[in-house]
Amino acid sequence: MGRLTFCASLAAALALVPAGLAAQETAPAPGAMTPAVEAPAEPAPEPAEYAYVALKTAKGTITLALDTTHAPKTSANFLKYVDAKNLDGALFYRAMHLPYGEGEDQGLLQGGVRNAAKLFAPVAHESTNETGIKHTTGTISMARFAPGTATADFMIMLSDMPALDAEDGNTGEDPGAGFAAFGHVAAGMDVVKAIWSQPRSATKGEGVMKGDILENEVPILSARRTSAPPKAPQSPATEAESPTPTS
């Protein structure tokens, strides 16, 4: 598949699913963990303030860093669901695997709220051109239909996804508005990968979602604000090359 064809088909496939598209699939089940992988570097374009959220699942905990500096509206929307405990019982239900890229994990994991009573009003679209937060490995971003319709469904990138960024100069109108990235995984990318690697159903889902829905969806047991996770220890060589903090 050529690069342009891929980008067009990927963007079309992801204009999707705030809540309930695959409501018929339930019954999450536990499974084995995969080996840990290193969390990606922070994707923010400059120093930022973060609010941290721990998503507890049966497969482990995923800690998200929400960029409240560059994506304040989207971060505040997510935190509203966290503080109301409306993400408790939400499901990771979609594992999109890209059809190329041998030897690397490529795609995204998607989750969200199925209960309409737990949804708040949609959040205004924050373009990647506005925030500077790109869809790189570990980035978290909002799922949506049209710009400005995102509620509680979100995506975690397993690989770089530049096709989800807004086109140059676009401030929020389709086509080309992209998706609203608002932070990154600070810890627990091994858990993300473990969920994403679970078996997918050949029959569940409709349209572009068919073949992406997990056979056994994975529930978010709880979503709570938390403190920043400890940074991974650096090797002596890396420490020697790192600049001395100024503050």
C-alpha atoms as a PDB file:
ATOM      1  CA  MET A   1       0.000   0.000   0.000  1.00  0.00           C
ATOM      2  CA  GLY A   2       1.413   3.420  -0.912  1.00  0.00           C
ATOM      3  CA  ARG A   3       1.932   6.076   1.737  1.00  0.00           C
ATOM      4  CA  LEU A   4      -0.798   8.412   0.415  1.00  0.00           C
ATOM      5  CA  THR A   5      -3.313   5.582   0.123  1.00  0.00           C
ATOM      6  CA  PHE A   6      -2.466   4.448   3.645  1.00  0.00           C
ATOM      7  CA  CYS A   7      -2.890   7.905   5.140  1.00  0.00           C
ATOM      8  CA  ALA A   8      -6.256   8.425   3.461  1.00  0.00           C
ATOM      9  CA  SER A   9      -7.620   5.041   4.524  1.00  0.00           C
ATOM     10  CA  LEU A  10      -6.295   5.402   8.081  1.00  0.00           C
ATOM     11  CA  ALA A  11      -7.839   8.841   8.552  1.00  0.00           C
ATOM     12  CA  ALA A  12     -11.175   7.539   7.268  1.00  0.00           C
ATOM     13  CA  ALA A  13     -11.008   4.514   9.549  1.00  0.00           C
ATOM     14  CA  LEU A  14     -10.454   6.637  12.655  1.00  0.00           C
ATOM     15  CA  ALA A  15     -13.271   9.179  12.322  1.00  0.00           C
ATOM     16  CA  LEU A  16     -15.152   7.011  14.740  1.00  0.00           C
ATOM     17  CA  VAL A  17     -16.845   5.781  17.825  1.00  0.00           C
ATOM     18  CA  PRO A  18     -17.462   8.062  20.719  1.00  0.00           C
ATOM     19  CA  ALA A  19     -19.579   5.425  22.490  1.00  0.00           C
ATOM     20  CA  GLY A  20     -21.571   2.281  21.944  1.00  0.00           C
ATOM     21  CA  LEU A  21     -20.712   1.298  18.364  1.00  0.00           C
ATOM     22  CA  ALA A  22     -19.939  -2.238  19.475  1.00  0.00           C
ATOM     23  CA  ALA A  23     -22.192  -2.350  22.502  1.00  0.00           C
ATOM     24  CA  GLN A  24     -23.096  -5.982  21.849  1.00  0.00           C
ATOM     25  CA  GLU A  25     -19.598  -7.145  22.837  1.00  0.00           C
ATOM     26  CA  THR A  26     -18.934  -7.612  26.559  1.00  0.00           C
ATOM     27  CA  ALA A  27     -17.504 -10.322  28.887  1.00  0.00           C
ATOM     28  CA  PRO A  28     -13.867  -9.254  29.444  1.00  0.00           C
ATOM     29  CA  ALA A  29     -11.505 -12.019  30.498  1.00  0.00           C
ATOM     30  CA  PRO A  30      -7.996 -12.056  31.998  1.00  0.00           C
ATOM     31  CA  GLY A  31      -4.937 -13.057  30.012  1.00  0.00           C
ATOM     32  CA  ALA A  32      -1.180 -13.292  30.225  1.00  0.00           C
ATOM     33  CA  MET A  33       1.033 -10.221  30.308  1.00  0.00           C
ATOM     34  CA  THR A  34       3.655  -9.579  27.666  1.00  0.00           C
ATOM     35  CA  PRO A  35       7.235  -8.533  28.524  1.00  0.00           C
ATOM     36  CA  ALA A  36       7.632  -4.931  29.628  1.00  0.00           C
ATOM     37  CA  VAL A  37       8.588  -2.304  27.095  1.00  0.00           C
ATOM     38  CA  GLU A  38      10.114   1.070  27.793  1.00  0.00           C
ATOM     39  CA  ALA A  39       7.714   4.020  27.965  1.00  0.00           C
ATOM     40  CA  PRO A  40       8.208   6.548  25.148  1.00  0.00           C
ATOM     41  CA  ALA A  41       9.694   9.978  25.567  1.00  0.00           C
ATOM     42  CA  GLU A  42       7.353  12.848  26.403  1.00  0.00           C
ATOM     43  CA  PRO A  43       5.925  14.250  23.167  1.00  0.00           C
ATOM     44  CA  ALA A  44       5.133  17.775  24.392  1.00  0.00           C
ATOM     45  CA  PRO A  45       6.729  20.524  22.289  1.00  0.00           C
ATOM     46  CA  GLU A  46       8.099  22.425  25.291  1.00  0.00           C
ATOM     47  CA  PRO A  47       8.040  22.195  29.114  1.00  0.00           C
ATOM     48  CA  ALA A  48       4.508  21.456  30.276  1.00  0.00           C
ATOM     49  CA  GLU A  49       2.414  20.899  33.376  1.00  0.00           C
ATOM     50  CA  TYR A  50       0.891  17.431  33.594  1.00  0.00           C
ATOM     51  CA  ALA A  51      -2.019  15.903  35.453  1.00  0.00           C
ATOM     52  CA  TYR A  52      -1.490  12.177  35.992  1.00  0.00           C
ATOM     53  CA  VAL A  53      -4.208   9.528  35.851  1.00  0.00           C
ATOM     54  CA  ALA A  54      -3.847   5.849  36.772  1.00  0.00           C
ATOM     55  CA  LEU A  55      -6.043   3.454  34.780  1.00  0.00           C
ATOM     56  CA  LYS A  56      -6.222   0.192  36.721  1.00  0.00           C
ATOM     57  CA  THR A  57      -7.029  -2.909  34.655  1.00  0.00           C
ATOM     58  CA  ALA A  58      -6.872  -6.654  35.213  1.00  0.00           C
ATOM     59  CA  LYS A  59      -3.670  -6.649  33.167  1.00  0.00           C
ATOM     60  CA  GLY A  60      -1.951  -3.911  35.144  1.00  0.00           C
ATOM     61  CA  THR A  61      -1.985  -0.145  35.538  1.00  0.00           C
ATOM     62  CA  ILE A  62      -1.516   2.434  32.783  1.00  0.00           C
ATOM     63  CA  THR A  63      -0.454   5.891  33.988  1.00  0.00           C
ATOM     64  CA  LEU A  64      -1.393   8.740  31.663  1.00  0.00           C
ATOM     65  CA  ALA A  65       0.220  12.193  31.659  1.00  0.00           C
ATOM     66  CA  LEU A  66      -2.333  14.783  30.530  1.00  0.00           C
ATOM     67  CA  ASP A  67      -0.756  17.923  29.082  1.00  0.00           C
ATOM     68  CA  THR A  68      -2.763  20.664  30.779  1.00  0.00           C
ATOM     69  CA  THR A  69      -0.472  23.346  29.343  1.00  0.00           C
ATOM     70  CA  HIS A  70      -0.849  22.660  25.621  1.00  0.00           C
ATOM     71  CA  ALA A  71      -4.198  20.829  25.541  1.00  0.00           C
ATOM     72  CA  PRO A  72      -6.128  22.387  28.449  1.00  0.00           C
ATOM     73  CA  LYS A  73      -9.653  21.800  27.104  1.00  0.00           C
ATOM     74  CA  THR A  74      -9.145  18.157  26.186  1.00  0.00           C
ATOM     75  CA  SER A  75      -7.263  17.421  29.416  1.00  0.00           C
ATOM     76  CA  ALA A  76      -9.993  19.079  31.506  1.00  0.00           C
ATOM     77  CA  ASN A  77     -12.627  17.019  29.693  1.00  0.00           C
ATOM     78  CA  PHE A  78     -10.810  13.764  30.479  1.00  0.00           C
ATOM     79  CA  LEU A  79     -10.278  14.773  34.106  1.00  0.00           C
ATOM     80  CA  LYS A  80     -13.995  15.527  34.414  1.00  0.00           C
ATOM     81  CA  TYR A  81     -14.719  11.876  33.614  1.00  0.00           C
ATOM     82  CA  VAL A  82     -12.018  10.741  36.031  1.00  0.00           C
ATOM     83  CA  ASP A  83     -13.243  12.903  38.912  1.00  0.00           C
ATOM     84  CA  ALA A  84     -16.853  11.783  38.369  1.00  0.00           C
ATOM     85  CA  LYS A  85     -15.638   8.136  38.323  1.00  0.00           C
ATOM     86  CA  ASN A  86     -17.361   7.762  34.968  1.00  0.00           C
ATOM     87  CA  LEU A  87     -14.389   5.885  33.510  1.00  0.00           C
ATOM     88  CA  ASP A  88     -14.794   3.140  36.109  1.00  0.00           C
ATOM     89  CA  GLY A  89     -16.115   0.208  34.101  1.00  0.00           C
ATOM     90  CA  ALA A  90     -15.168   1.702  30.735  1.00  0.00           C
ATOM     91  CA  LEU A  91     -13.716  -0.805  28.283  1.00  0.00           C
ATOM     92  CA  PHE A  92     -10.674  -1.164  26.098  1.00  0.00           C
ATOM     93  CA  TYR A  93     -12.452  -2.696  23.138  1.00  0.00           C
ATOM     94  CA  ARG A  94     -10.547  -1.957  19.921  1.00  0.00           C
ATOM     95  CA  ALA A  95      -7.025  -3.009  18.917  1.00  0.00           C
ATOM     96  CA  MET A  96      -6.242  -1.645  15.467  1.00  0.00           C
ATOM     97  CA  HIS A  97      -3.251  -3.401  13.856  1.00  0.00           C
ATOM     98  CA  LEU A  98      -1.730  -1.797  10.794  1.00  0.00           C
ATOM     99  CA  PRO A  99      -1.232  -4.205   7.878  1.00  0.00           C
ATOM    100  CA  TYR A 100       2.465  -3.498   7.419  1.00  0.00           C
ATOM    101  CA  GLY A 101       5.622  -2.833   9.415  1.00  0.00           C
ATOM    102  CA  GLU A 102       7.144  -6.236  10.045  1.00  0.00           C
ATOM    103  CA  GLY A 103       9.032  -6.588  13.295  1.00  0.00           C
ATOM    104  CA  GLU A 104       7.303  -3.620  14.948  1.00  0.00           C
ATOM    105  CA  ASP A 105       4.010  -3.098  16.744  1.00  0.00           C
ATOM    106  CA  GLN A 106       1.995  -0.644  14.675  1.00  0.00           C
ATOM    107  CA  GLY A 107      -1.509   0.523  15.395  1.00  0.00           C
ATOM    108  CA  LEU A 108      -3.545   1.828  18.325  1.00  0.00           C
ATOM    109  CA  LEU A 109      -5.632   0.758  21.308  1.00  0.00           C
ATOM    110  CA  GLN A 110      -9.036   2.348  21.868  1.00  0.00           C
ATOM    111  CA  GLY A 111     -11.307   2.482  24.870  1.00  0.00           C
ATOM    112  CA  GLY A 112     -14.258   4.408  26.186  1.00  0.00           C
ATOM    113  CA  VAL A 113     -17.593   4.696  27.936  1.00  0.00           C
ATOM    114  CA  ARG A 114     -20.616   2.788  26.620  1.00  0.00           C
ATOM    115  CA  ASN A 115     -23.182   4.112  29.106  1.00  0.00           C
ATOM    116  CA  ALA A 116     -24.854   7.218  27.620  1.00  0.00           C
ATOM    117  CA  ALA A 117     -25.862   8.357  31.110  1.00  0.00           C
ATOM    118  CA  LYS A 118     -22.159   8.759  31.963  1.00  0.00           C
ATOM    119  CA  LEU A 119     -21.359  11.061  29.036  1.00  0.00           C
ATOM    120  CA  PHE A 120     -20.877  14.806  29.364  1.00  0.00           C
ATOM    121  CA  ALA A 121     -21.260  17.403  26.624  1.00  0.00           C
ATOM    122  CA  PRO A 122     -18.686  17.085  23.803  1.00  0.00           C
ATOM    123  CA  VAL A 123     -15.413  18.961  24.119  1.00  0.00           C
ATOM    124  CA  ALA A 124     -14.200  21.579  21.656  1.00  0.00           C
ATOM    125  CA  HIS A 125     -11.617  20.242  19.208  1.00  0.00           C
ATOM    126  CA  GLU A 126      -7.996  21.172  19.972  1.00  0.00           C
ATOM    127  CA  SER A 127      -6.014  20.743  16.764  1.00  0.00           C
ATOM    128  CA  THR A 128      -2.496  19.335  16.817  1.00  0.00           C
ATOM    129  CA  ASN A 129      -1.528  22.564  15.024  1.00  0.00           C
ATOM    130  CA  GLU A 130      -2.787  24.429  18.087  1.00  0.00           C
ATOM    131  CA  THR A 131      -1.305  22.166  20.764  1.00  0.00           C
ATOM    132  CA  GLY A 132       1.876  20.987  19.047  1.00  0.00           C
ATOM    133  CA  ILE A 133       1.298  17.482  20.443  1.00  0.00           C
ATOM    134  CA  LYS A 134       1.822  14.969  17.644  1.00  0.00           C
ATOM    135  CA  HIS A 135       0.604  11.393  17.345  1.00  0.00           C
ATOM    136  CA  THR A 136       3.810   9.564  18.241  1.00  0.00           C
ATOM    137  CA  THR A 137       4.259   6.259  20.071  1.00  0.00           C
ATOM    138  CA  GLY A 138       2.525   6.429  23.456  1.00  0.00           C
ATOM    139  CA  THR A 139       0.443   9.523  22.657  1.00  0.00           C
ATOM    140  CA  ILE A 140      -3.132   9.611  23.955  1.00  0.00           C
ATOM    141  CA  SER A 141      -5.781  11.192  21.742  1.00  0.00           C
ATOM    142  CA  MET A 142      -9.557  11.561  21.530  1.00  0.00           C
ATOM    143  CA  ALA A 143     -11.741   9.465  19.232  1.00  0.00           C
ATOM    144  CA  ARG A 144     -14.494  11.406  17.500  1.00  0.00           C
ATOM    145  CA  PHE A 145     -16.915  11.743  14.613  1.00  0.00           C
ATOM    146  CA  ALA A 146     -16.784  15.377  13.410  1.00  0.00           C
ATOM    147  CA  PRO A 147     -14.436  17.860  15.133  1.00  0.00           C
ATOM    148  CA  GLY A 148     -16.002  18.959  18.407  1.00  0.00           C
ATOM    149  CA  THR A 149     -17.942  15.733  19.032  1.00  0.00           C
ATOM    150  CA  ALA A 150     -15.423  13.887  21.241  1.00  0.00           C
ATOM    151  CA  THR A 151     -16.724  12.789  24.638  1.00  0.00           C
ATOM    152  CA  ALA A 152     -15.030   9.932  26.521  1.00  0.00           C
ATOM    153  CA  ASP A 153     -13.573   7.535  23.936  1.00  0.00           C
ATOM    154  CA  PHE A 154      -9.804   7.780  23.602  1.00  0.00           C
ATOM    155  CA  MET A 155      -6.904   6.137  21.786  1.00  0.00           C
ATOM    156  CA  ILE A 156      -3.339   5.178  22.731  1.00  0.00           C
ATOM    157  CA  MET A 157      -0.785   5.021  19.918  1.00  0.00           C
ATOM    158  CA  LEU A 158       1.293   1.837  19.625  1.00  0.00           C
ATOM    159  CA  SER A 159       3.378   3.512  16.916  1.00  0.00           C
ATOM    160  CA  ASP A 160       3.865   6.902  15.290  1.00  0.00           C
ATOM    161  CA  MET A 161       0.641   7.916  13.505  1.00  0.00           C
ATOM    162  CA  PRO A 162       1.333  11.136  11.560  1.00  0.00           C
ATOM    163  CA  ALA A 163      -1.833  10.577   9.493  1.00  0.00           C
ATOM    164  CA  LEU A 164      -3.825  11.503  12.616  1.00  0.00           C
ATOM    165  CA  ASP A 165      -2.190  14.929  12.911  1.00  0.00           C
ATOM    166  CA  ALA A 166      -3.979  17.935  11.439  1.00  0.00           C
ATOM    167  CA  GLU A 167      -2.905  19.111   8.017  1.00  0.00           C
ATOM    168  CA  ASP A 168      -0.677  22.187   8.059  1.00  0.00           C
ATOM    169  CA  GLY A 169      -2.745  25.292   8.707  1.00  0.00           C
ATOM    170  CA  ASN A 170      -5.938  23.433   9.636  1.00  0.00           C
ATOM    171  CA  THR A 171      -7.446  24.748  12.883  1.00  0.00           C
ATOM    172  CA  GLY A 172     -10.318  22.312  13.255  1.00  0.00           C
ATOM    173  CA  GLU A 173     -12.406  21.773  10.129  1.00  0.00           C
ATOM    174  CA  ASP A 174     -12.725  18.459   8.309  1.00  0.00           C
ATOM    175  CA  PRO A 175     -11.243  17.263   6.071  1.00  0.00           C
ATOM    176  CA  GLY A 176      -7.796  17.472   7.567  1.00  0.00           C
ATOM    177  CA  ALA A 177      -8.665  18.495  11.137  1.00  0.00           C
ATOM    178  CA  GLY A 178      -6.879  15.490  12.605  1.00  0.00           C
ATOM    179  CA  PHE A 179      -7.488  14.221  16.120  1.00  0.00           C
ATOM    180  CA  ALA A 180      -6.986  15.926  19.484  1.00  0.00           C
ATOM    181  CA  ALA A 181      -3.840  14.546  21.112  1.00  0.00           C
ATOM    182  CA  PHE A 182      -3.587  15.610  24.747  1.00  0.00           C
ATOM    183  CA  GLY A 183      -0.810  13.703  26.504  1.00  0.00           C
ATOM    184  CA  HIS A 184       1.117  10.466  26.639  1.00  0.00           C
ATOM    185  CA  VAL A 185       1.586   7.224  28.562  1.00  0.00           C
ATOM    186  CA  ALA A 186       3.959   7.964  31.432  1.00  0.00           C
ATOM    187  CA  ALA A 187       4.129   4.339  32.632  1.00  0.00           C
ATOM    188  CA  GLY A 188       2.546   1.050  31.659  1.00  0.00           C
ATOM    189  CA  MET A 189       3.193   0.784  27.926  1.00  0.00           C
ATOM    190  CA  ASP A 190       3.740  -2.925  28.590  1.00  0.00           C
ATOM    191  CA  VAL A 191       0.128  -3.082  29.808  1.00  0.00           C
ATOM    192  CA  VAL A 192      -1.065  -1.192  26.708  1.00  0.00           C
ATOM    193  CA  LYS A 193       0.772  -3.691  24.516  1.00  0.00           C
ATOM    194  CA  ALA A 194      -0.605  -6.651  26.480  1.00  0.00           C
ATOM    195  CA  ILE A 195      -4.195  -5.491  25.936  1.00  0.00           C
ATOM    196  CA  TRP A 196      -3.562  -4.574  22.283  1.00  0.00           C
ATOM    197  CA  SER A 197      -2.078  -8.035  21.676  1.00  0.00           C
ATOM    198  CA  GLN A 198      -5.193  -9.899  22.836  1.00  0.00           C
ATOM    199  CA  PRO A 199      -7.143 -11.965  20.261  1.00  0.00           C
ATOM    200  CA  ARG A 200      -9.525 -10.009  18.045  1.00  0.00           C
ATOM    201  CA  SER A 201     -12.894 -11.196  16.796  1.00  0.00           C
ATOM    202  CA  ALA A 202     -13.399 -11.868  13.097  1.00  0.00           C
ATOM    203  CA  THR A 203     -17.111 -11.050  13.350  1.00  0.00           C
ATOM    204  CA  LYS A 204     -17.614  -8.342  15.988  1.00  0.00           C
ATOM    205  CA  GLY A 205     -17.875  -4.705  14.983  1.00  0.00           C
ATOM    206  CA  GLU A 206     -19.197  -3.034  11.858  1.00  0.00           C
ATOM    207  CA  GLY A 207     -17.639  -1.279   8.885  1.00  0.00           C
ATOM    208  CA  VAL A 208     -14.046  -0.184   9.502  1.00  0.00           C
ATOM    209  CA  MET A 209     -14.277  -1.575  13.043  1.00  0.00           C
ATOM    210  CA  LYS A 210     -14.808  -5.154  11.884  1.00  0.00           C
ATOM    211  CA  GLY A 211     -11.787  -7.263  12.722  1.00  0.00           C
ATOM    212  CA  ASP A 212     -10.488  -4.722  15.274  1.00  0.00           C
ATOM    213  CA  ILE A 213     -12.780  -5.525  18.217  1.00  0.00           C
ATOM    214  CA  LEU A 214     -11.201  -7.569  21.001  1.00  0.00           C
ATOM    215  CA  GLU A 215     -12.705 -10.997  21.535  1.00  0.00           C
ATOM    216  CA  ASN A 216     -12.699 -10.288  25.281  1.00  0.00           C
ATOM    217  CA  GLU A 217     -12.772  -6.584  26.025  1.00  0.00           C
ATOM    218  CA  VAL A 218     -10.691  -5.360  28.966  1.00  0.00           C
ATOM    219  CA  PRO A 219     -12.411  -3.199  31.597  1.00  0.00           C
ATOM    220  CA  ILE A 220     -10.933  -0.180  33.323  1.00  0.00           C
ATOM    221  CA  LEU A 221     -11.495  -1.131  36.954  1.00  0.00           C
ATOM    222  CA  SER A 222     -10.801   2.385  38.185  1.00  0.00           C
ATOM    223  CA  ALA A 223      -9.450   5.699  36.885  1.00  0.00           C
ATOM    224  CA  ARG A 224      -7.997   8.039  39.496  1.00  0.00           C
ATOM    225  CA  ARG A 225      -5.698  11.039  39.665  1.00  0.00           C
ATOM    226  CA  THR A 226      -2.256  10.040  40.844  1.00  0.00           C
ATOM    227  CA  SER A 227       1.253  11.400  41.266  1.00  0.00           C
ATOM    228  CA  ALA A 228       3.930  11.317  38.592  1.00  0.00           C
ATOM    229  CA  PRO A 229       5.523   7.872  38.266  1.00  0.00           C
ATOM    230  CA  PRO A 230       9.221   7.580  39.105  1.00  0.00           C
ATOM    231  CA  LYS A 231      11.499   8.014  36.141  1.00  0.00           C
ATOM    232  CA  ALA A 232      13.344   4.954  34.880  1.00  0.00           C
ATOM    233  CA  PRO A 233      16.940   4.810  36.164  1.00  0.00           C
ATOM    234  CA  GLN A 234      19.542   5.991  33.670  1.00  0.00           C
ATOM    235  CA  SER A 235      22.706   4.120  32.817  1.00  0.00           C
ATOM    236  CA  PRO A 236      25.988   5.749  33.930  1.00  0.00           C
ATOM    237  CA  ALA A 237      26.761   6.684  30.321  1.00  0.00           C
ATOM    238  CA  THR A 238      23.356   8.332  29.874  1.00  0.00           C
ATOM    239  CA  GLU A 239      23.693  10.202  33.173  1.00  0.00           C
ATOM    240  CA  ALA A 240      27.084  11.547  32.121  1.00  0.00           C
ATOM    241  CA  GLU A 241      25.608  12.848  28.879  1.00  0.00           C
ATOM    242  CA  SER A 242      22.524  14.413  30.520  1.00  0.00           C
ATOM    243  CA  PRO A 243      22.595  18.140  31.340  1.00  0.00           C
ATOM    244  CA  THR A 244      22.451  19.195  34.980  1.00  0.00           C
ATOM    245  CA  PRO A 245      18.919  20.346  35.960  1.00  0.00           C
ATOM    246  CA  THR A 246      18.600  24.093  36.484  1.00  0.00           C
ATOM    247  CA  SER A 247      15.585  23.967  38.761  1.00  0.00           C
END
